[in-house]
Amino acid sequence: MKPMPIVSVILLAGSIVRAQTSATQKPQPQAAAPQTPPALVTSPEVLADHRVTFRLRASNAKEVSVQIDGASKPLVLLKNEEGVWSGTTESLAPDYYGYVFLVDGTAVLDPSNNTIKPNLLYRANEVHVPPASGNSSNSVWPTWEISNVRRGEIHHHFYRSKVVGDERGYFVYTPPGYNPRGKQTYPVLYLLHGYSDDASAWTAVGRANVILDNLIASGKAKPMLIVMPLGYGAPGILLLGSGALRDPGIGQRNFDRFRDALLTEVIPRVEAEYLVRNDRDSRAVAGLSMGGAESLLTGLNNLNEFAWIGAFSSGGMTPEFNKEFPGLDASANAQLRLLWIACGTEDSLIEISRRLRAWLASKDIHHVGVETPGAHTWLVWRRNLAEFAQLLFR
């Protein structure tokens, strides 16, 4: 038998390999045709008349609403044939509004909005309803809106707290024209955040730096530093479900250790690093909610340290005021330059605020009581700060 030519052998081998491969391979499924992604949802949309439209794609949801800061009840949304829920508010006053969607009773962030309010427990989106365009120097321009004035600076410091036993930080606002190598010294407002907030809250959400820039530029507030420390003396109070909020012991530790950290760690650091005056007449302490209680408990029990005290919607104190403020009586009037207690009339804390003011009056302790429309929201606290800051260091 004649040997097969080399070329024939190669062709035959290739045929065998192809046949074997074909026998062992399974048919591959056809690739699915690419689907058109759903149209992007615009939310929130601020309309020219200051109404705001909210939208959320949630095809399988049964009920969707949006809870907006300052609103007495959620705005109910309606679904279209594409599964997009939407609804429009009434005209809103120019401001910054926090909001969350409620999808079948569960709070949900707006996936179309990347502006989120910082918070350790209760995150929310934020929408800005701007004032009408015009002259930002006029009297109706909101104090928390950026205007064409000189701007201060915000500094962030970190340190190890021996009192609390953790790493923590604080923010410092320096007013326009502050020169660390200069000779001018300044008074200081120690400004405290509320429960669930962090130390950035008063600038990131409360816009304290913008408020002071505008007030200083218009001559309505004295140039001052603002120091914003972390307000937790017992951070375990943030552990939801642990029973910490029902434990009066941890609440007391929270207040006591915060006071000690402020007096022995934060204030000495600020006075060593900044050109500030260190007498009590040049120190103020104020805060919102938990920070309002901390301001009262720290300030009124340490009148040798603070002459100016402000409390906005104070929360966390017990109504046992004789125990909370032992020894406080009318003699405090000689040391107090200002005791300013404010709360919104729709705030659940309005009753304890009124009871505190009645107790102070029974002790003949001079104070200013302020009640404004509004609930437990930044819409109230921005206005509180704008009013309180104008009274300081006069």
Protein backbone atom coordinates (compact mmCIF):
# COMPACT_ATOMS: atom_id res chain seq x y z
CA MET A 1 0.00 0.00 0.00
CA LYS A 2 1.36 3.35 -1.01
CA PRO A 3 1.91 5.88 1.74
CA MET A 4 -0.48 8.85 1.61
CA PRO A 5 0.99 12.19 0.59
CA ILE A 6 1.85 14.55 3.49
CA VAL A 7 -0.79 17.11 2.46
CA SER A 8 -3.53 14.44 2.49
CA VAL A 9 -2.53 13.32 5.98
CA ILE A 10 -2.76 16.87 7.30
CA LEU A 11 -6.18 17.43 5.71
CA LEU A 12 -7.48 14.13 7.10
CA ALA A 13 -6.21 14.93 10.60
CA GLY A 14 -7.87 18.35 10.51
CA SER A 15 -11.17 16.77 9.52
CA ILE A 16 -11.00 14.30 12.41
CA VAL A 17 -10.23 17.05 14.94
CA ARG A 18 -13.11 19.18 13.65
CA ALA A 19 -15.49 16.27 13.82
CA GLN A 20 -14.46 15.43 17.42
CA THR A 21 -14.74 19.06 18.51
CA SER A 22 -18.16 19.37 16.91
CA ALA A 23 -19.35 16.24 18.68
CA THR A 24 -18.27 17.42 22.16
CA GLN A 25 -19.38 21.09 21.99
CA LYS A 26 -22.92 22.02 23.05
CA PRO A 27 -24.88 24.57 21.03
CA GLN A 28 -24.44 28.08 22.50
CA PRO A 29 -27.61 30.06 23.32
CA GLN A 30 -28.29 33.16 21.29
CA ALA A 31 -27.37 36.41 23.12
CA ALA A 32 -30.42 38.37 24.26
CA ALA A 33 -31.07 41.56 22.39
CA PRO A 34 -30.01 44.59 24.46
CA GLN A 35 -32.92 46.28 26.20
CA THR A 36 -33.41 50.03 26.22
CA PRO A 37 -32.77 51.35 29.75
CA PRO A 38 -35.64 53.26 31.36
CA ALA A 39 -35.59 57.00 30.89
CA LEU A 40 -33.78 58.96 33.57
CA VAL A 41 -35.95 60.47 36.29
CA THR A 42 -35.46 64.12 37.22
CA SER A 43 -35.91 64.71 40.95
CA PRO A 44 -36.27 67.08 42.64
CA GLU A 45 -37.27 69.75 40.12
CA VAL A 46 -37.56 73.27 41.50
CA LEU A 47 -40.09 75.26 39.50
CA ALA A 48 -40.03 78.99 38.84
CA ASP A 49 -42.83 79.64 41.32
CA HIS A 50 -40.90 77.86 44.14
CA ARG A 51 -42.99 74.71 43.96
CA VAL A 52 -40.97 71.48 43.91
CA THR A 53 -41.75 68.30 41.99
CA PHE A 54 -40.45 64.99 43.37
CA ARG A 55 -40.22 61.81 41.28
CA LEU A 56 -39.28 58.22 42.04
CA ARG A 57 -39.33 55.11 39.83
CA ALA A 58 -40.83 52.28 41.91
CA SER A 59 -42.97 50.08 39.66
CA ASN A 60 -43.86 47.52 42.32
CA ALA A 61 -44.60 49.93 45.17
CA LYS A 62 -48.16 50.24 46.45
CA GLU A 63 -47.80 53.66 48.15
CA VAL A 64 -45.16 56.37 47.83
CA SER A 65 -44.99 59.73 49.55
CA VAL A 66 -42.29 62.24 50.44
CA GLN A 67 -41.69 63.72 53.90
CA ILE A 68 -40.33 67.26 53.63
CA ASP A 69 -38.85 69.39 56.42
CA GLY A 70 -41.46 71.75 57.80
CA ALA A 71 -44.45 69.90 56.30
CA SER A 72 -47.12 68.71 58.72
CA LYS A 73 -47.73 65.53 56.72
CA PRO A 74 -46.09 63.68 53.81
CA LEU A 75 -46.87 64.67 50.21
CA VAL A 76 -48.66 61.74 48.54
CA LEU A 77 -47.29 60.84 45.09
CA LEU A 78 -49.16 59.31 42.13
CA LYS A 79 -47.84 56.64 39.73
CA ASN A 80 -47.90 56.87 35.91
CA GLU A 81 -47.97 54.02 33.38
CA GLU A 82 -44.14 53.86 33.41
CA GLY A 83 -43.98 53.16 37.15
CA VAL A 84 -42.78 56.66 38.07
CA TRP A 85 -44.37 58.27 41.12
CA SER A 86 -44.55 62.07 41.22
CA GLY A 87 -46.07 64.96 43.11
CA THR A 88 -45.64 68.72 43.43
CA THR A 89 -45.61 70.83 46.59
CA GLU A 90 -47.20 74.17 47.12
CA SER A 91 -44.88 77.17 46.78
CA LEU A 92 -42.09 76.95 49.38
CA ALA A 93 -40.21 79.78 51.07
CA PRO A 94 -36.59 80.05 49.89
CA ASP A 95 -34.53 77.70 52.06
CA TYR A 96 -32.80 74.32 52.21
CA TYR A 97 -35.24 71.44 52.78
CA GLY A 98 -34.40 67.93 53.87
CA TYR A 99 -36.63 65.14 52.55
CA VAL A 100 -36.98 61.36 52.24
CA PHE A 101 -39.29 59.16 50.20
CA LEU A 102 -41.59 56.77 52.08
CA VAL A 103 -42.05 53.65 49.95
CA ASP A 104 -44.67 51.37 51.48
CA GLY A 105 -43.72 52.84 54.84
CA THR A 106 -39.93 52.51 54.45
CA ALA A 107 -37.71 55.62 54.24
CA VAL A 108 -35.77 55.68 50.97
CA LEU A 109 -33.21 58.18 49.66
CA ASP A 110 -33.79 59.84 46.29
CA PRO A 111 -31.53 58.00 43.78
CA SER A 112 -31.72 60.98 41.41
CA ASN A 113 -30.31 63.47 43.93
CA ASN A 114 -26.69 63.28 45.09
CA THR A 115 -27.14 66.00 47.73
CA ILE A 116 -27.39 64.23 51.09
CA LYS A 117 -27.51 65.78 54.55
CA PRO A 118 -24.75 64.30 56.74
CA ASN A 119 -26.16 62.47 59.75
CA LEU A 120 -24.99 59.51 61.81
CA LEU A 121 -28.43 57.86 62.03
CA TYR A 122 -31.06 59.54 59.87
CA ARG A 123 -29.77 60.39 56.41
CA ALA A 124 -31.91 62.47 54.07
CA ASN A 125 -31.65 64.28 50.77
CA GLU A 126 -31.69 68.04 50.51
CA VAL A 127 -33.25 70.41 47.99
CA HIS A 128 -32.46 74.11 47.70
CA VAL A 129 -35.26 76.50 46.88
CA PRO A 130 -33.32 79.67 45.98
CA PRO A 131 -34.54 83.21 46.48
CA ALA A 132 -35.64 85.23 43.49
CA SER A 133 -32.66 86.55 41.56
CA GLY A 134 -31.81 90.10 42.39
CA ASN A 135 -29.70 92.17 44.73
CA SER A 136 -28.35 89.88 47.45
CA SER A 137 -27.67 92.89 49.66
CA ASN A 138 -31.34 93.76 50.12
CA SER A 139 -33.10 93.28 53.43
CA VAL A 140 -35.21 90.30 52.34
CA TRP A 141 -32.27 88.21 51.13
CA PRO A 142 -32.12 85.14 53.42
CA THR A 143 -29.18 85.27 55.82
CA TRP A 144 -28.13 81.69 54.97
CA GLU A 145 -27.81 82.38 51.22
CA ILE A 146 -24.39 83.09 49.76
CA SER A 147 -24.03 86.73 48.74
CA ASN A 148 -21.30 88.92 47.35
CA VAL A 149 -19.46 89.58 50.62
CA ARG A 150 -16.08 88.66 52.05
CA ARG A 151 -15.99 85.07 53.18
CA GLY A 152 -14.54 83.49 56.31
CA GLU A 153 -12.81 80.11 56.49
CA ILE A 154 -13.57 76.73 58.07
CA HIS A 155 -10.77 74.72 59.69
CA HIS A 156 -10.97 71.06 60.77
CA HIS A 157 -8.92 69.83 63.75
CA PHE A 158 -8.42 66.32 65.16
CA TYR A 159 -7.22 65.16 68.57
CA ARG A 160 -7.26 62.25 70.99
CA SER A 161 -9.79 62.81 73.78
CA LYS A 162 -8.62 61.51 77.14
CA VAL A 163 -11.99 62.37 78.66
CA VAL A 164 -14.04 60.27 76.21
CA GLY A 165 -11.31 57.86 75.11
CA ASP A 166 -11.60 58.25 71.34
CA GLU A 167 -10.30 60.15 68.33
CA ARG A 168 -12.48 63.13 67.53
CA GLY A 169 -12.45 66.48 65.85
CA TYR A 170 -13.91 69.97 65.89
CA PHE A 171 -14.47 72.68 63.29
CA VAL A 172 -13.50 76.33 63.63
CA TYR A 173 -14.94 79.21 61.61
CA THR A 174 -12.69 82.26 61.37
CA PRO A 175 -14.32 85.48 60.17
CA PRO A 176 -13.30 87.46 57.07
CA GLY A 177 -10.02 89.29 57.65
CA TYR A 178 -8.80 86.95 60.39
CA ASN A 179 -4.99 87.02 60.37
CA PRO A 180 -3.26 84.31 62.44
CA ARG A 181 -0.14 86.51 62.53
CA GLY A 182 -2.02 89.66 63.42
CA LYS A 183 -2.74 91.30 66.75
CA GLN A 184 -6.53 91.50 66.70
CA THR A 185 -8.24 89.06 69.07
CA TYR A 186 -11.81 87.79 68.84
CA PRO A 187 -14.64 86.46 71.02
CA VAL A 188 -15.79 82.86 70.52
CA LEU A 189 -19.16 81.17 70.13
CA TYR A 190 -19.08 77.44 70.98
CA LEU A 191 -21.89 76.11 68.79
CA LEU A 192 -23.24 72.60 69.48
CA HIS A 193 -25.09 70.17 67.21
CA GLY A 194 -28.04 67.90 67.97
CA TYR A 195 -28.50 64.19 68.56
CA SER A 196 -27.57 62.05 65.51
CA ASP A 197 -25.63 64.93 63.91
CA ASP A 198 -21.86 65.12 63.69
CA ALA A 199 -19.51 68.05 64.20
CA SER A 200 -19.97 69.24 60.60
CA ALA A 201 -23.72 69.77 60.96
CA TRP A 202 -23.73 73.49 61.68
CA THR A 203 -21.75 74.29 58.52
CA ALA A 204 -22.85 71.47 56.18
CA VAL A 205 -26.58 71.83 56.96
CA GLY A 206 -27.00 74.85 59.24
CA ARG A 207 -24.84 77.11 57.03
CA ALA A 208 -23.50 78.87 60.12
CA ASN A 209 -20.46 80.20 58.24
CA VAL A 210 -22.63 81.79 55.54
CA ILE A 211 -24.94 83.30 58.16
CA LEU A 212 -22.01 84.89 59.99
CA ASP A 213 -20.37 86.10 56.77
CA ASN A 214 -23.55 87.96 55.86
CA LEU A 215 -24.23 89.34 59.35
CA ILE A 216 -20.66 90.56 59.79
CA ALA A 217 -20.62 92.17 56.33
CA SER A 218 -23.83 94.09 57.12
CA GLY A 219 -22.57 95.16 60.55
CA LYS A 220 -25.33 93.18 62.30
CA ALA A 221 -22.93 90.84 64.14
CA LYS A 222 -19.54 91.31 65.72
CA PRO A 223 -16.65 89.44 64.07
CA MET A 224 -16.22 86.24 66.06
CA LEU A 225 -14.90 82.71 65.85
CA ILE A 226 -17.32 79.78 65.94
CA VAL A 227 -16.07 76.48 67.35
CA MET A 228 -18.16 73.38 66.57
CA PRO A 229 -17.08 70.29 68.55
CA LEU A 230 -18.39 66.74 68.48
CA GLY A 231 -21.20 66.64 71.02
CA TYR A 232 -21.05 63.07 72.33
CA GLY A 233 -19.48 62.53 75.72
CA ALA A 234 -20.77 58.94 75.66
CA PRO A 235 -20.86 57.81 71.99
CA GLY A 236 -22.74 54.65 73.02
CA ILE A 237 -25.86 56.80 73.12
CA LEU A 238 -25.91 56.48 69.32
CA LEU A 239 -26.39 52.69 69.38
CA LEU A 240 -30.01 52.27 68.35
CA GLY A 241 -31.69 49.18 69.77
CA SER A 242 -29.20 48.97 72.65
CA GLY A 243 -31.54 50.66 75.10
CA ALA A 244 -29.06 53.53 75.49
CA LEU A 245 -31.72 56.17 74.97
CA ARG A 246 -33.82 54.67 77.77
CA ASP A 247 -30.89 54.54 80.17
CA PRO A 248 -30.76 57.76 82.22
CA GLY A 249 -27.24 56.84 83.30
CA ILE A 250 -25.79 57.02 79.79
CA GLY A 251 -27.62 60.27 79.17
CA GLN A 252 -26.03 61.79 82.23
CA ARG A 253 -22.58 60.46 81.26
CA ASN A 254 -23.08 61.91 77.80
CA PHE A 255 -23.70 65.38 79.20
CA ASP A 256 -21.03 65.20 81.92
CA ARG A 257 -18.21 63.94 79.70
CA PHE A 258 -19.09 66.34 76.92
CA ARG A 259 -18.84 69.23 79.39
CA ASP A 260 -15.46 67.99 80.63
CA ALA A 261 -14.13 67.49 77.08
CA LEU A 262 -15.26 71.00 76.10
CA LEU A 263 -13.82 72.73 79.16
CA THR A 264 -10.55 70.80 79.51
CA GLU A 265 -9.70 69.82 75.93
CA VAL A 266 -11.43 71.86 73.23
CA ILE A 267 -11.38 75.34 74.79
CA PRO A 268 -7.68 75.16 75.85
CA ARG A 269 -6.74 73.98 72.33
CA VAL A 270 -8.68 76.77 70.67
CA GLU A 271 -7.21 79.40 72.96
CA ALA A 272 -3.69 78.09 72.29
CA GLU A 273 -4.10 77.94 68.50
CA TYR A 274 -6.21 81.01 67.68
CA LEU A 275 -6.21 84.72 68.46
CA VAL A 276 -9.13 84.66 70.85
CA ARG A 277 -9.92 86.39 74.10
CA ASN A 278 -10.11 84.01 77.05
CA ASP A 279 -12.32 85.92 79.49
CA ARG A 280 -15.87 84.77 80.22
CA ASP A 281 -17.40 87.89 78.65
CA SER A 282 -15.84 86.80 75.37
CA ARG A 283 -17.24 83.26 75.45
CA ALA A 284 -20.71 82.14 74.35
CA VAL A 285 -22.20 78.66 74.18
CA ALA A 286 -25.31 77.71 72.22
CA GLY A 287 -26.76 74.69 70.48
CA LEU A 288 -29.78 72.90 69.08
CA SER A 289 -31.76 69.99 70.55
CA MET A 290 -29.20 67.83 72.46
CA GLY A 291 -26.73 70.68 71.96
CA GLY A 292 -29.26 73.11 73.45
CA ALA A 293 -29.43 71.01 76.61
CA GLU A 294 -25.63 70.77 76.67
CA SER A 295 -25.41 74.57 76.34
CA LEU A 296 -27.72 75.11 79.30
CA LEU A 297 -26.17 72.41 81.49
CA THR A 298 -22.60 73.48 80.70
CA GLY A 299 -23.21 77.22 80.64
CA LEU A 300 -25.52 77.75 83.61
CA ASN A 301 -23.45 75.42 85.80
CA ASN A 302 -20.19 77.16 84.78
CA LEU A 303 -20.97 80.86 84.77
CA ASN A 304 -17.32 81.55 85.49
CA GLU A 305 -16.66 80.33 81.91
CA PHE A 306 -19.58 81.71 79.84
CA ALA A 307 -21.52 84.97 79.93
CA TRP A 308 -23.70 84.28 76.85
CA ILE A 309 -25.91 81.18 76.62
CA GLY A 310 -28.37 80.14 73.91
CA ALA A 311 -30.62 77.09 73.62
CA PHE A 312 -32.58 76.18 70.49
CA SER A 313 -35.24 73.45 70.92
CA SER A 314 -33.42 71.91 73.88
CA GLY A 315 -33.82 68.15 74.22
CA GLY A 316 -32.58 65.53 76.67
CA MET A 317 -32.88 67.37 79.98
CA THR A 318 -35.16 66.15 82.74
CA PRO A 319 -37.79 68.53 84.15
CA GLU A 320 -36.08 68.27 87.55
CA PHE A 321 -34.54 71.70 87.11
CA ASN A 322 -33.47 72.07 90.75
CA LYS A 323 -31.37 68.96 90.27
CA GLU A 324 -30.10 69.91 86.80
CA PHE A 325 -29.04 73.40 87.95
CA PRO A 326 -28.14 73.14 91.65
CA GLY A 327 -27.54 76.47 93.31
CA LEU A 328 -28.77 78.55 90.37
CA ASP A 329 -30.63 81.61 91.61
CA ALA A 330 -31.09 85.33 90.95
CA SER A 331 -27.45 86.01 91.77
CA ALA A 332 -26.66 84.61 88.30
CA ASN A 333 -28.07 87.81 86.78
CA ALA A 334 -24.89 89.64 87.69
CA GLN A 335 -22.88 87.23 85.51
CA LEU A 336 -25.28 86.53 82.66
CA ARG A 337 -25.05 88.89 79.71
CA LEU A 338 -27.65 86.89 77.81
CA LEU A 339 -29.71 83.73 78.40
CA TRP A 340 -31.72 83.09 75.22
CA ILE A 341 -34.15 80.15 75.03
CA ALA A 342 -35.98 79.44 71.77
CA CYS A 343 -38.27 76.73 70.42
CA GLY A 344 -40.67 76.21 67.52
CA THR A 345 -44.35 76.21 68.42
CA GLU A 346 -44.95 72.93 66.52
CA ASP A 347 -41.98 71.24 68.21
CA SER A 348 -42.79 68.45 70.67
CA LEU A 349 -40.18 70.01 73.00
CA ILE A 350 -42.10 73.27 73.35
CA GLU A 351 -43.68 72.19 76.64
CA ILE A 352 -40.41 71.47 78.47
CA SER A 353 -39.04 74.72 77.05
CA ARG A 354 -41.98 76.60 78.56
CA ARG A 355 -41.61 74.77 81.87
CA LEU A 356 -37.93 75.71 82.01
CA ARG A 357 -38.71 79.36 81.32
CA ALA A 358 -41.40 79.33 84.02
CA TRP A 359 -38.91 77.83 86.49
CA LEU A 360 -36.32 80.48 85.62
CA ALA A 361 -38.96 83.18 86.14
CA SER A 362 -39.82 81.69 89.54
CA LYS A 363 -36.13 82.10 90.45
CA ASP A 364 -36.08 85.70 89.12
CA ILE A 365 -33.40 84.70 86.60
CA HIS A 366 -33.39 87.06 83.63
CA HIS A 367 -33.79 85.40 80.26
CA VAL A 368 -35.24 85.93 76.79
CA GLY A 369 -37.91 83.45 75.68
CA VAL A 370 -38.49 83.07 71.95
CA GLU A 371 -41.21 81.05 70.24
CA THR A 372 -41.34 80.91 66.46
CA PRO A 373 -43.51 79.01 63.96
CA GLY A 374 -42.01 75.64 63.03
CA ALA A 375 -41.14 72.17 64.23
CA HIS A 376 -37.89 70.38 65.13
CA THR A 377 -36.05 71.29 61.92
CA TRP A 378 -33.14 73.26 60.51
CA LEU A 379 -35.69 75.71 59.08
CA VAL A 380 -36.10 76.93 62.69
CA TRP A 381 -32.48 76.63 63.84
CA ARG A 382 -30.92 78.65 61.01
CA ARG A 383 -33.22 81.50 61.95
CA ASN A 384 -32.44 81.02 65.66
CA LEU A 385 -28.71 81.34 64.99
CA ALA A 386 -29.17 84.39 62.76
CA GLU A 387 -31.12 86.16 65.51
CA PHE A 388 -28.97 85.01 68.45
CA ALA A 389 -25.63 85.90 66.79
CA GLN A 390 -26.71 89.52 66.38
CA LEU A 391 -27.03 89.86 70.17
CA LEU A 392 -23.61 88.53 71.12
CA PHE A 393 -20.62 90.42 72.50
CA ARG A 394 -22.34 93.81 72.50
